[in-house]
């Protein structure tokens, strides 16, 4: 868990050096669909780092794929997963257009 968390933070640092983040987001969303809760949580943490550091560079498809992923994880009863999803949602709301963020919050 510690190694995965450090890797996610390092990815957040490295992502600021590249202008195209959409392929990475697609890869992380795909990797998050695993049945292994530890890997899924690590992928969501990495998504949080990417979105919080470089989310303004992502396109509509990436935003929608993250929202879709969070909708499928909403039924998961794991507290760690719920907190990671909440952090990811907060980071995503910061980079969404105002009308989309308002609708999502409502």
C-alpha atoms as a PDB file:
ATOM      1  CA  UNK A   1       0.000   0.000   0.000  1.00  0.00           C
ATOM      2  CA  UNK A   2       2.816   2.398   0.875  1.00  0.00           C
ATOM      3  CA  UNK A   3       4.610   1.674  -2.391  1.00  0.00           C
ATOM      4  CA  UNK A   4       1.426   2.187  -4.410  1.00  0.00           C
ATOM      5  CA  UNK A   5       0.721   5.498  -2.658  1.00  0.00           C
ATOM      6  CA  UNK A   6       4.247   6.746  -3.312  1.00  0.00           C
ATOM      7  CA  UNK A   7       3.990   5.695  -6.954  1.00  0.00           C
ATOM      8  CA  UNK A   8       0.711   7.607  -7.319  1.00  0.00           C
ATOM      9  CA  UNK A   9       2.288  10.744  -5.822  1.00  0.00           C
ATOM     10  CA  UNK A  10       5.314  10.418  -8.117  1.00  0.00           C
ATOM     11  CA  UNK A  11       2.997  10.101 -11.102  1.00  0.00           C
ATOM     12  CA  UNK A  12       1.292  13.316 -10.004  1.00  0.00           C
ATOM     13  CA  UNK A  13       4.651  15.062 -10.053  1.00  0.00           C
ATOM     14  CA  UNK A  14       5.670  13.666 -13.439  1.00  0.00           C
ATOM     15  CA  UNK A  15       2.344  14.399 -15.138  1.00  0.00           C
ATOM     16  CA  UNK A  16       2.944  18.131 -14.860  1.00  0.00           C
ATOM     17  CA  UNK A  17       5.749  17.713 -17.400  1.00  0.00           C
ATOM     18  CA  UNK A  18       3.545  16.418 -20.229  1.00  0.00           C
ATOM     19  CA  UNK A  19       0.754  18.265 -22.035  1.00  0.00           C
ATOM     20  CA  UNK A  20      -1.218  15.144 -23.095  1.00  0.00           C
ATOM     21  CA  UNK A  21      -2.769  13.366 -20.155  1.00  0.00           C
ATOM     22  CA  UNK A  22      -5.752  11.708 -21.833  1.00  0.00           C
ATOM     23  CA  UNK A  23      -3.982   8.431 -22.777  1.00  0.00           C
ATOM     24  CA  UNK A  24      -2.797   8.071 -19.170  1.00  0.00           C
ATOM     25  CA  UNK A  25      -6.279   8.766 -17.823  1.00  0.00           C
ATOM     26  CA  UNK A  26      -7.719   6.124 -20.155  1.00  0.00           C
ATOM     27  CA  UNK A  27      -5.123   3.630 -18.932  1.00  0.00           C
ATOM     28  CA  UNK A  28      -5.810   4.417 -15.262  1.00  0.00           C
ATOM     29  CA  UNK A  29      -9.586   4.159 -15.732  1.00  0.00           C
ATOM     30  CA  UNK A  30      -9.150   0.785 -17.432  1.00  0.00           C
ATOM     31  CA  UNK A  31      -6.795  -0.399 -14.678  1.00  0.00           C
ATOM     32  CA  UNK A  32      -9.291   0.718 -12.031  1.00  0.00           C
ATOM     33  CA  UNK A  33     -11.835  -1.810 -13.212  1.00  0.00           C
ATOM     34  CA  UNK A  34      -9.980  -4.703 -11.590  1.00  0.00           C
ATOM     35  CA  UNK A  35     -11.512  -6.830  -8.864  1.00  0.00           C
ATOM     36  CA  UNK A  36      -8.449  -6.369  -6.619  1.00  0.00           C
ATOM     37  CA  UNK A  37      -9.450  -3.646  -4.134  1.00  0.00           C
ATOM     38  CA  UNK A  38      -5.846  -2.625  -3.418  1.00  0.00           C
ATOM     39  CA  UNK A  39      -4.999  -2.129  -7.070  1.00  0.00           C
ATOM     40  CA  UNK A  40      -8.302  -0.338  -7.710  1.00  0.00           C
ATOM     41  CA  UNK A  41      -7.699   2.065  -4.820  1.00  0.00           C
ATOM     42  CA  UNK A  42      -4.127   2.721  -6.022  1.00  0.00           C
ATOM     43  CA  UNK A  43      -5.371   3.458  -9.535  1.00  0.00           C
ATOM     44  CA  UNK A  44      -7.970   5.870  -8.160  1.00  0.00           C
ATOM     45  CA  UNK A  45      -5.293   7.593  -6.072  1.00  0.00           C
ATOM     46  CA  UNK A  46      -3.171   7.934  -9.200  1.00  0.00           C
ATOM     47  CA  UNK A  47      -6.175   9.374 -11.041  1.00  0.00           C
ATOM     48  CA  UNK A  48      -6.626  11.874  -8.218  1.00  0.00           C
ATOM     49  CA  UNK A  49      -2.983  12.951  -8.508  1.00  0.00           C
ATOM     50  CA  UNK A  50      -3.242  13.340 -12.280  1.00  0.00           C
ATOM     51  CA  UNK A  51      -6.528  15.259 -12.168  1.00  0.00           C
ATOM     52  CA  UNK A  52      -5.474  17.514  -9.300  1.00  0.00           C
ATOM     53  CA  UNK A  53      -2.152  18.432 -10.927  1.00  0.00           C
ATOM     54  CA  UNK A  54      -2.998  18.505 -14.652  1.00  0.00           C
ATOM     55  CA  UNK A  55      -6.755  18.108 -14.921  1.00  0.00           C
ATOM     56  CA  UNK A  56      -7.188  21.326 -16.891  1.00  0.00           C
ATOM     57  CA  UNK A  57      -5.515  19.551 -19.841  1.00  0.00           C
ATOM     58  CA  UNK A  58      -7.972  16.655 -20.051  1.00  0.00           C
ATOM     59  CA  UNK A  59     -10.719  16.422 -22.632  1.00  0.00           C
ATOM     60  CA  UNK A  60     -14.449  15.752 -22.281  1.00  0.00           C
ATOM     61  CA  UNK A  61     -14.053  12.019 -22.937  1.00  0.00           C
ATOM     62  CA  UNK A  62     -11.579  11.685 -20.065  1.00  0.00           C
ATOM     63  CA  UNK A  63     -13.870  13.605 -17.704  1.00  0.00           C
ATOM     64  CA  UNK A  64     -16.818  11.415 -18.635  1.00  0.00           C
ATOM     65  CA  UNK A  65     -14.827   8.210 -18.214  1.00  0.00           C
ATOM     66  CA  UNK A  66     -13.763   9.266 -14.710  1.00  0.00           C
ATOM     67  CA  UNK A  67     -17.335  10.165 -13.778  1.00  0.00           C
ATOM     68  CA  UNK A  68     -18.560   6.838 -15.140  1.00  0.00           C
ATOM     69  CA  UNK A  69     -15.929   4.999 -13.138  1.00  0.00           C
ATOM     70  CA  UNK A  70     -16.936   6.815  -9.971  1.00  0.00           C
ATOM     71  CA  UNK A  71     -20.596   5.941 -10.589  1.00  0.00           C
ATOM     72  CA  UNK A  72     -19.753   2.233 -10.787  1.00  0.00           C
ATOM     73  CA  UNK A  73     -17.662   2.456  -7.584  1.00  0.00           C
ATOM     74  CA  UNK A  74     -20.402   4.291  -5.669  1.00  0.00           C
ATOM     75  CA  UNK A  75     -21.894   1.006  -4.461  1.00  0.00           C
ATOM     76  CA  UNK A  76     -18.618  -0.202  -2.946  1.00  0.00           C
ATOM     77  CA  UNK A  77     -18.826  -0.283   0.860  1.00  0.00           C
ATOM     78  CA  UNK A  78     -15.068   0.093   1.423  1.00  0.00           C
ATOM     79  CA  UNK A  79     -14.254   3.256   3.429  1.00  0.00           C
ATOM     80  CA  UNK A  80     -10.839   3.749   1.814  1.00  0.00           C
ATOM     81  CA  UNK A  81     -12.401   3.549  -1.641  1.00  0.00           C
ATOM     82  CA  UNK A  82     -15.125   6.013  -0.657  1.00  0.00           C
ATOM     83  CA  UNK A  83     -12.561   8.531   0.594  1.00  0.00           C
ATOM     84  CA  UNK A  84     -10.443   8.165  -2.542  1.00  0.00           C
ATOM     85  CA  UNK A  85     -13.539   8.677  -4.701  1.00  0.00           C
ATOM     86  CA  UNK A  86     -14.443  11.793  -2.696  1.00  0.00           C
ATOM     87  CA  UNK A  87     -10.959  13.251  -3.194  1.00  0.00           C
ATOM     88  CA  UNK A  88     -11.109  12.454  -6.898  1.00  0.00           C
ATOM     89  CA  UNK A  89     -14.532  14.082  -7.181  1.00  0.00           C
ATOM     90  CA  UNK A  90     -13.240  17.221  -5.459  1.00  0.00           C
ATOM     91  CA  UNK A  91     -10.279  17.438  -7.829  1.00  0.00           C
ATOM     92  CA  UNK A  92     -12.545  16.847 -10.807  1.00  0.00           C
ATOM     93  CA  UNK A  93     -15.041  19.543  -9.776  1.00  0.00           C
ATOM     94  CA  UNK A  94     -12.197  22.079  -9.677  1.00  0.00           C
ATOM     95  CA  UNK A  95     -11.394  21.530 -13.364  1.00  0.00           C
ATOM     96  CA  UNK A  96     -14.908  21.087 -14.733  1.00  0.00           C
ATOM     97  CA  UNK A  97     -16.662  23.941 -16.529  1.00  0.00           C
ATOM     98  CA  UNK A  98     -18.927  25.857 -14.139  1.00  0.00           C
ATOM     99  CA  UNK A  99     -22.222  24.514 -15.510  1.00  0.00           C
ATOM    100  CA  UNK A 100     -21.021  20.902 -15.407  1.00  0.00           C
ATOM    101  CA  UNK A 101     -19.659  21.310 -11.881  1.00  0.00           C
ATOM    102  CA  UNK A 102     -22.927  22.847 -10.691  1.00  0.00           C
ATOM    103  CA  UNK A 103     -24.959  19.975 -12.158  1.00  0.00           C
ATOM    104  CA  UNK A 104     -22.632  17.411 -10.636  1.00  0.00           C
ATOM    105  CA  UNK A 105     -22.783  18.983  -7.186  1.00  0.00           C
ATOM    106  CA  UNK A 106     -26.582  19.160  -7.293  1.00  0.00           C
END
